[in-house]
Amino acid sequence: MLDEMGVRNLSIFIPDPINFSAAFRVRLIRVWRIADDLNFFSPSWINSTGFVFDSNDGKARRENHVDTNSGTDVAIFVRDGNPIRFPDFPEHLDVPGKIEIMLWKNPGLNA
């Protein structure tokens, strides 16, 4: 759908786990499924889209992921030898939105 809408992504950022960000967060496993779908089923220029989040040690990517503690929902990434703890989004809150609502447009508004 992004391609059909003319959206050209270079990076898709994983939102920081801060207060009031829940509406923009999904579990990392779902982020990686989306990345796989883009890689396997989209034009080649989309395949280079990066999924990253910022940390004190710089950007962390899927390749930096080493483990997730399922009991605490904390994902561990390692970048430049430094462990990065990333609180994954709680599974019970990760409910996909309805596409017809998310892509809603008001024909009277011009962006």
N, C-alpha and C. Protein backbone atom coordinates (compact mmCIF):
# COMPACT_ATOMS: atom_id res chain seq x y z
N MET A 1 0.82 -1.19 0.00
CA MET A 1 0.00 0.00 0.00
C MET A 1 0.86 1.25 0.00
N LEU A 2 2.00 1.20 0.71
CA LEU A 2 2.87 2.37 0.73
C LEU A 2 3.34 2.71 -0.68
N ASP A 3 3.72 1.70 -1.42
CA ASP A 3 4.18 1.92 -2.79
C ASP A 3 3.07 2.54 -3.63
N GLU A 4 1.85 2.02 -3.50
CA GLU A 4 0.72 2.54 -4.26
C GLU A 4 0.41 3.99 -3.90
N MET A 5 0.71 4.37 -2.65
CA MET A 5 0.45 5.73 -2.19
C MET A 5 1.61 6.68 -2.48
N GLY A 6 2.68 6.16 -3.08
CA GLY A 6 3.82 6.99 -3.41
C GLY A 6 4.75 7.27 -2.25
N VAL A 7 4.67 6.47 -1.18
CA VAL A 7 5.53 6.66 -0.02
C VAL A 7 6.83 5.91 -0.27
N ARG A 8 7.96 6.62 -0.11
CA ARG A 8 9.28 6.02 -0.33
C ARG A 8 10.05 6.04 0.98
N ASN A 9 10.06 4.91 1.67
CA ASN A 9 10.74 4.82 2.96
C ASN A 9 12.21 4.50 2.79
N LEU A 10 13.02 5.12 3.60
CA LEU A 10 14.42 4.72 3.73
C LEU A 10 14.62 4.02 5.06
N SER A 11 13.97 4.53 6.08
CA SER A 11 14.04 3.93 7.40
C SER A 11 12.67 3.98 8.04
N ILE A 12 12.37 2.96 8.79
CA ILE A 12 11.17 2.93 9.61
C ILE A 12 11.68 2.83 11.05
N PHE A 13 11.37 3.84 11.84
CA PHE A 13 11.89 3.89 13.20
C PHE A 13 10.92 3.23 14.16
N ILE A 14 11.47 2.45 15.05
CA ILE A 14 10.70 1.81 16.11
C ILE A 14 10.57 2.84 17.23
N PRO A 15 9.35 3.24 17.59
CA PRO A 15 9.18 4.29 18.60
C PRO A 15 9.80 3.95 19.94
N ASP A 16 10.30 4.99 20.59
CA ASP A 16 10.86 4.82 21.93
C ASP A 16 9.77 4.40 22.91
N PRO A 17 10.13 3.57 23.88
CA PRO A 17 9.15 3.14 24.90
C PRO A 17 8.97 4.24 25.96
N ILE A 18 8.30 5.30 25.58
CA ILE A 18 8.06 6.41 26.49
C ILE A 18 6.56 6.53 26.77
N ASN A 19 6.22 7.29 27.79
CA ASN A 19 4.81 7.49 28.11
C ASN A 19 4.05 8.02 26.90
N PHE A 20 2.85 7.52 26.73
CA PHE A 20 1.91 7.93 25.69
C PHE A 20 2.35 7.54 24.27
N SER A 21 3.27 6.59 24.15
CA SER A 21 3.69 6.15 22.82
C SER A 21 3.03 4.85 22.39
N ALA A 22 2.16 4.29 23.22
CA ALA A 22 1.58 2.97 22.94
C ALA A 22 0.85 2.91 21.61
N ALA A 23 0.23 3.99 21.20
CA ALA A 23 -0.50 3.99 19.93
C ALA A 23 0.42 3.80 18.73
N PHE A 24 1.72 4.00 18.93
CA PHE A 24 2.67 3.91 17.82
C PHE A 24 3.58 2.70 17.92
N ARG A 25 3.41 1.89 18.94
CA ARG A 25 4.32 0.77 19.16
C ARG A 25 3.70 -0.56 18.80
N VAL A 26 4.53 -1.50 18.39
CA VAL A 26 4.15 -2.89 18.16
C VAL A 26 5.29 -3.75 18.71
N ARG A 27 4.99 -5.02 18.94
CA ARG A 27 6.03 -5.94 19.40
C ARG A 27 7.09 -6.11 18.32
N LEU A 28 8.31 -6.35 18.76
CA LEU A 28 9.41 -6.50 17.81
C LEU A 28 9.17 -7.64 16.83
N ILE A 29 8.55 -8.73 17.28
CA ILE A 29 8.29 -9.84 16.36
C ILE A 29 7.39 -9.39 15.21
N ARG A 30 6.46 -8.50 15.49
CA ARG A 30 5.58 -8.00 14.42
C ARG A 30 6.35 -7.04 13.51
N VAL A 31 7.23 -6.24 14.10
CA VAL A 31 8.08 -5.36 13.28
C VAL A 31 8.89 -6.20 12.31
N TRP A 32 9.45 -7.31 12.79
CA TRP A 32 10.27 -8.14 11.93
C TRP A 32 9.44 -8.86 10.88
N ARG A 33 8.20 -9.21 11.19
CA ARG A 33 7.32 -9.80 10.16
C ARG A 33 7.03 -8.79 9.05
N ILE A 34 6.81 -7.54 9.45
CA ILE A 34 6.58 -6.49 8.46
C ILE A 34 7.83 -6.32 7.59
N ALA A 35 9.01 -6.32 8.22
CA ALA A 35 10.26 -6.20 7.47
C ALA A 35 10.41 -7.36 6.48
N ASP A 36 10.09 -8.58 6.93
CA ASP A 36 10.18 -9.74 6.05
C ASP A 36 9.21 -9.61 4.88
N ASP A 37 7.99 -9.16 5.16
CA ASP A 37 7.01 -8.97 4.08
C ASP A 37 7.50 -7.96 3.06
N LEU A 38 8.07 -6.86 3.54
CA LEU A 38 8.62 -5.86 2.62
C LEU A 38 9.74 -6.47 1.78
N ASN A 39 10.58 -7.26 2.42
CA ASN A 39 11.71 -7.86 1.73
C ASN A 39 11.27 -8.89 0.68
N PHE A 40 10.30 -9.71 1.03
CA PHE A 40 9.93 -10.82 0.15
C PHE A 40 8.88 -10.48 -0.90
N PHE A 41 8.04 -9.46 -0.63
CA PHE A 41 6.89 -9.24 -1.50
C PHE A 41 6.79 -7.84 -2.08
N SER A 42 7.86 -7.08 -2.08
CA SER A 42 7.77 -5.70 -2.56
C SER A 42 8.88 -5.41 -3.56
N PRO A 43 8.77 -4.28 -4.26
CA PRO A 43 9.82 -3.91 -5.23
C PRO A 43 11.18 -3.81 -4.54
N SER A 44 12.24 -3.98 -5.30
CA SER A 44 13.58 -4.04 -4.73
C SER A 44 13.99 -2.77 -4.00
N TRP A 45 13.50 -1.60 -4.41
CA TRP A 45 13.90 -0.37 -3.72
C TRP A 45 13.36 -0.33 -2.30
N ILE A 46 12.27 -1.06 -2.03
CA ILE A 46 11.73 -1.10 -0.67
C ILE A 46 12.53 -2.06 0.19
N ASN A 47 13.16 -3.06 -0.43
CA ASN A 47 13.91 -4.07 0.33
C ASN A 47 15.02 -3.46 1.18
N SER A 48 15.48 -2.29 0.82
CA SER A 48 16.56 -1.67 1.59
C SER A 48 16.04 -0.82 2.75
N THR A 49 14.74 -0.82 2.98
CA THR A 49 14.18 -0.07 4.11
C THR A 49 14.75 -0.63 5.40
N GLY A 50 15.28 0.25 6.24
CA GLY A 50 15.84 -0.18 7.51
C GLY A 50 14.86 -0.01 8.65
N PHE A 51 14.82 -0.96 9.55
CA PHE A 51 14.00 -0.89 10.76
C PHE A 51 14.95 -0.69 11.92
N VAL A 52 14.93 0.49 12.53
CA VAL A 52 15.91 0.83 13.55
C VAL A 52 15.26 1.57 14.72
N PHE A 53 15.96 1.59 15.84
CA PHE A 53 15.58 2.48 16.94
C PHE A 53 16.86 3.11 17.47
N ASP A 54 16.71 4.28 18.05
CA ASP A 54 17.85 4.98 18.62
C ASP A 54 18.10 4.52 20.04
N SER A 55 19.37 4.45 20.39
CA SER A 55 19.77 4.14 21.76
C SER A 55 20.92 5.06 22.13
N ASN A 56 21.35 4.98 23.37
CA ASN A 56 22.50 5.78 23.79
C ASN A 56 23.77 5.38 23.05
N ASP A 57 23.79 4.17 22.50
CA ASP A 57 24.95 3.69 21.75
C ASP A 57 24.76 3.80 20.24
N GLY A 58 23.78 4.57 19.82
CA GLY A 58 23.50 4.73 18.39
C GLY A 58 22.31 3.90 17.95
N LYS A 59 22.11 3.85 16.66
CA LYS A 59 20.98 3.10 16.12
C LYS A 59 21.20 1.60 16.30
N ALA A 60 20.13 0.89 16.65
CA ALA A 60 20.18 -0.56 16.77
C ALA A 60 19.25 -1.16 15.73
N ARG A 61 19.69 -2.22 15.13
CA ARG A 61 18.95 -2.89 14.06
C ARG A 61 18.65 -4.33 14.46
N ARG A 62 17.86 -4.96 13.63
CA ARG A 62 17.51 -6.37 13.86
C ARG A 62 18.76 -7.23 13.98
N GLU A 63 19.76 -6.93 13.19
CA GLU A 63 21.00 -7.73 13.21
C GLU A 63 21.70 -7.66 14.57
N ASN A 64 21.41 -6.61 15.35
CA ASN A 64 22.03 -6.45 16.66
C ASN A 64 21.29 -7.21 17.77
N HIS A 65 20.12 -7.77 17.46
CA HIS A 65 19.32 -8.48 18.45
C HIS A 65 19.97 -9.82 18.79
N VAL A 66 20.14 -10.09 20.09
CA VAL A 66 20.74 -11.35 20.49
C VAL A 66 19.80 -12.23 21.31
N ASP A 67 18.82 -11.61 22.00
CA ASP A 67 17.94 -12.41 22.84
C ASP A 67 16.76 -11.55 23.29
N THR A 68 15.67 -12.23 23.67
CA THR A 68 14.54 -11.56 24.31
C THR A 68 14.13 -12.40 25.51
N ASN A 69 14.04 -11.77 26.65
CA ASN A 69 13.59 -12.44 27.85
C ASN A 69 12.06 -12.44 27.82
N SER A 70 11.47 -13.60 27.59
CA SER A 70 10.01 -13.67 27.47
C SER A 70 9.31 -13.38 28.79
N GLY A 71 9.98 -13.57 29.91
CA GLY A 71 9.38 -13.29 31.20
C GLY A 71 9.26 -11.82 31.51
N THR A 72 10.23 -11.05 31.03
CA THR A 72 10.23 -9.60 31.31
C THR A 72 9.92 -8.77 30.07
N ASP A 73 9.83 -9.41 28.89
CA ASP A 73 9.63 -8.70 27.62
C ASP A 73 10.71 -7.65 27.38
N VAL A 74 11.94 -7.99 27.71
CA VAL A 74 13.06 -7.10 27.44
C VAL A 74 13.93 -7.75 26.37
N ALA A 75 14.09 -7.03 25.27
CA ALA A 75 14.95 -7.50 24.18
C ALA A 75 16.36 -6.98 24.42
N ILE A 76 17.33 -7.83 24.12
CA ILE A 76 18.73 -7.45 24.29
C ILE A 76 19.36 -7.34 22.90
N PHE A 77 19.94 -6.19 22.66
CA PHE A 77 20.69 -5.93 21.43
C PHE A 77 22.14 -5.68 21.85
N VAL A 78 23.08 -5.95 20.97
CA VAL A 78 24.48 -5.64 21.24
C VAL A 78 25.00 -4.82 20.08
N ARG A 79 25.54 -3.66 20.43
CA ARG A 79 26.11 -2.79 19.41
C ARG A 79 27.47 -2.34 19.90
N ASP A 80 28.50 -2.53 19.08
CA ASP A 80 29.87 -2.18 19.45
C ASP A 80 30.27 -2.78 20.79
N GLY A 81 29.79 -4.00 21.05
CA GLY A 81 30.13 -4.70 22.28
C GLY A 81 29.32 -4.28 23.50
N ASN A 82 28.44 -3.31 23.32
CA ASN A 82 27.64 -2.81 24.45
C ASN A 82 26.23 -3.38 24.40
N PRO A 83 25.76 -3.97 25.51
CA PRO A 83 24.38 -4.47 25.53
C PRO A 83 23.40 -3.30 25.61
N ILE A 84 22.32 -3.43 24.87
CA ILE A 84 21.25 -2.43 24.87
C ILE A 84 19.98 -3.16 25.27
N ARG A 85 19.36 -2.74 26.34
CA ARG A 85 18.11 -3.34 26.80
C ARG A 85 16.97 -2.50 26.23
N PHE A 86 16.05 -3.19 25.55
CA PHE A 86 14.93 -2.50 24.93
C PHE A 86 13.63 -3.15 25.40
N PRO A 87 12.79 -2.41 26.14
CA PRO A 87 11.52 -2.99 26.59
C PRO A 87 10.59 -3.23 25.40
N ASP A 88 10.31 -4.49 25.14
CA ASP A 88 9.40 -4.82 24.04
C ASP A 88 7.99 -4.40 24.45
N PHE A 89 7.15 -4.19 23.45
CA PHE A 89 5.77 -3.79 23.71
C PHE A 89 5.00 -5.00 24.25
N PRO A 90 4.23 -4.84 25.32
CA PRO A 90 3.51 -5.99 25.90
C PRO A 90 2.57 -6.65 24.89
N GLU A 91 2.63 -7.96 24.87
CA GLU A 91 1.84 -8.73 23.89
C GLU A 91 0.35 -8.43 23.99
N HIS A 92 -0.18 -8.29 25.19
CA HIS A 92 -1.62 -8.09 25.35
C HIS A 92 -2.08 -6.71 24.83
N LEU A 93 -1.16 -5.79 24.65
CA LEU A 93 -1.52 -4.47 24.12
C LEU A 93 -1.31 -4.35 22.62
N ASP A 94 -0.59 -5.31 22.04
CA ASP A 94 -0.26 -5.25 20.61
C ASP A 94 -1.41 -5.80 19.78
N VAL A 95 -2.37 -4.93 19.52
CA VAL A 95 -3.55 -5.30 18.73
C VAL A 95 -3.51 -4.51 17.43
N PRO A 96 -3.43 -5.20 16.28
CA PRO A 96 -3.36 -4.47 15.01
C PRO A 96 -4.57 -3.55 14.82
N GLY A 97 -4.30 -2.37 14.27
CA GLY A 97 -5.37 -1.43 13.96
C GLY A 97 -6.09 -1.80 12.68
N LYS A 98 -7.21 -1.20 12.46
CA LYS A 98 -7.97 -1.44 11.24
C LYS A 98 -7.45 -0.52 10.14
N ILE A 99 -7.05 -1.11 9.02
CA ILE A 99 -6.41 -0.36 7.95
C ILE A 99 -7.32 0.75 7.41
N GLU A 100 -8.62 0.50 7.38
CA GLU A 100 -9.52 1.52 6.85
C GLU A 100 -9.59 2.75 7.76
N ILE A 101 -9.30 2.56 9.03
CA ILE A 101 -9.25 3.70 9.96
C ILE A 101 -7.89 4.38 9.88
N MET A 102 -6.83 3.57 9.84
CA MET A 102 -5.48 4.14 9.82
C MET A 102 -5.21 4.95 8.55
N LEU A 103 -5.80 4.55 7.45
CA LEU A 103 -5.58 5.27 6.19
C LEU A 103 -6.71 6.23 5.86
N TRP A 104 -7.53 6.56 6.85
CA TRP A 104 -8.64 7.47 6.66
C TRP A 104 -8.12 8.82 6.18
N LYS A 105 -8.85 9.38 5.24
CA LYS A 105 -8.48 10.71 4.74
C LYS A 105 -9.72 11.57 4.73
N ASN A 106 -9.55 12.81 5.08
CA ASN A 106 -10.63 13.79 5.00
C ASN A 106 -10.47 14.52 3.69
N PRO A 107 -11.38 14.32 2.73
CA PRO A 107 -11.22 14.94 1.41
C PRO A 107 -11.21 16.46 1.46
N GLY A 108 -11.69 17.04 2.57
CA GLY A 108 -11.71 18.50 2.68
C GLY A 108 -10.40 19.09 3.16
N LEU A 109 -9.48 18.23 3.61
CA LEU A 109 -8.20 18.72 4.12
C LEU A 109 -7.10 18.47 3.10
N ASN A 110 -6.28 19.46 2.87
CA ASN A 110 -5.12 19.27 1.99
C ASN A 110 -3.87 19.41 2.83
N ALA A 111 -3.02 18.41 2.73
CA ALA A 111 -1.79 18.44 3.52
C ALA A 111 -0.68 19.11 2.74
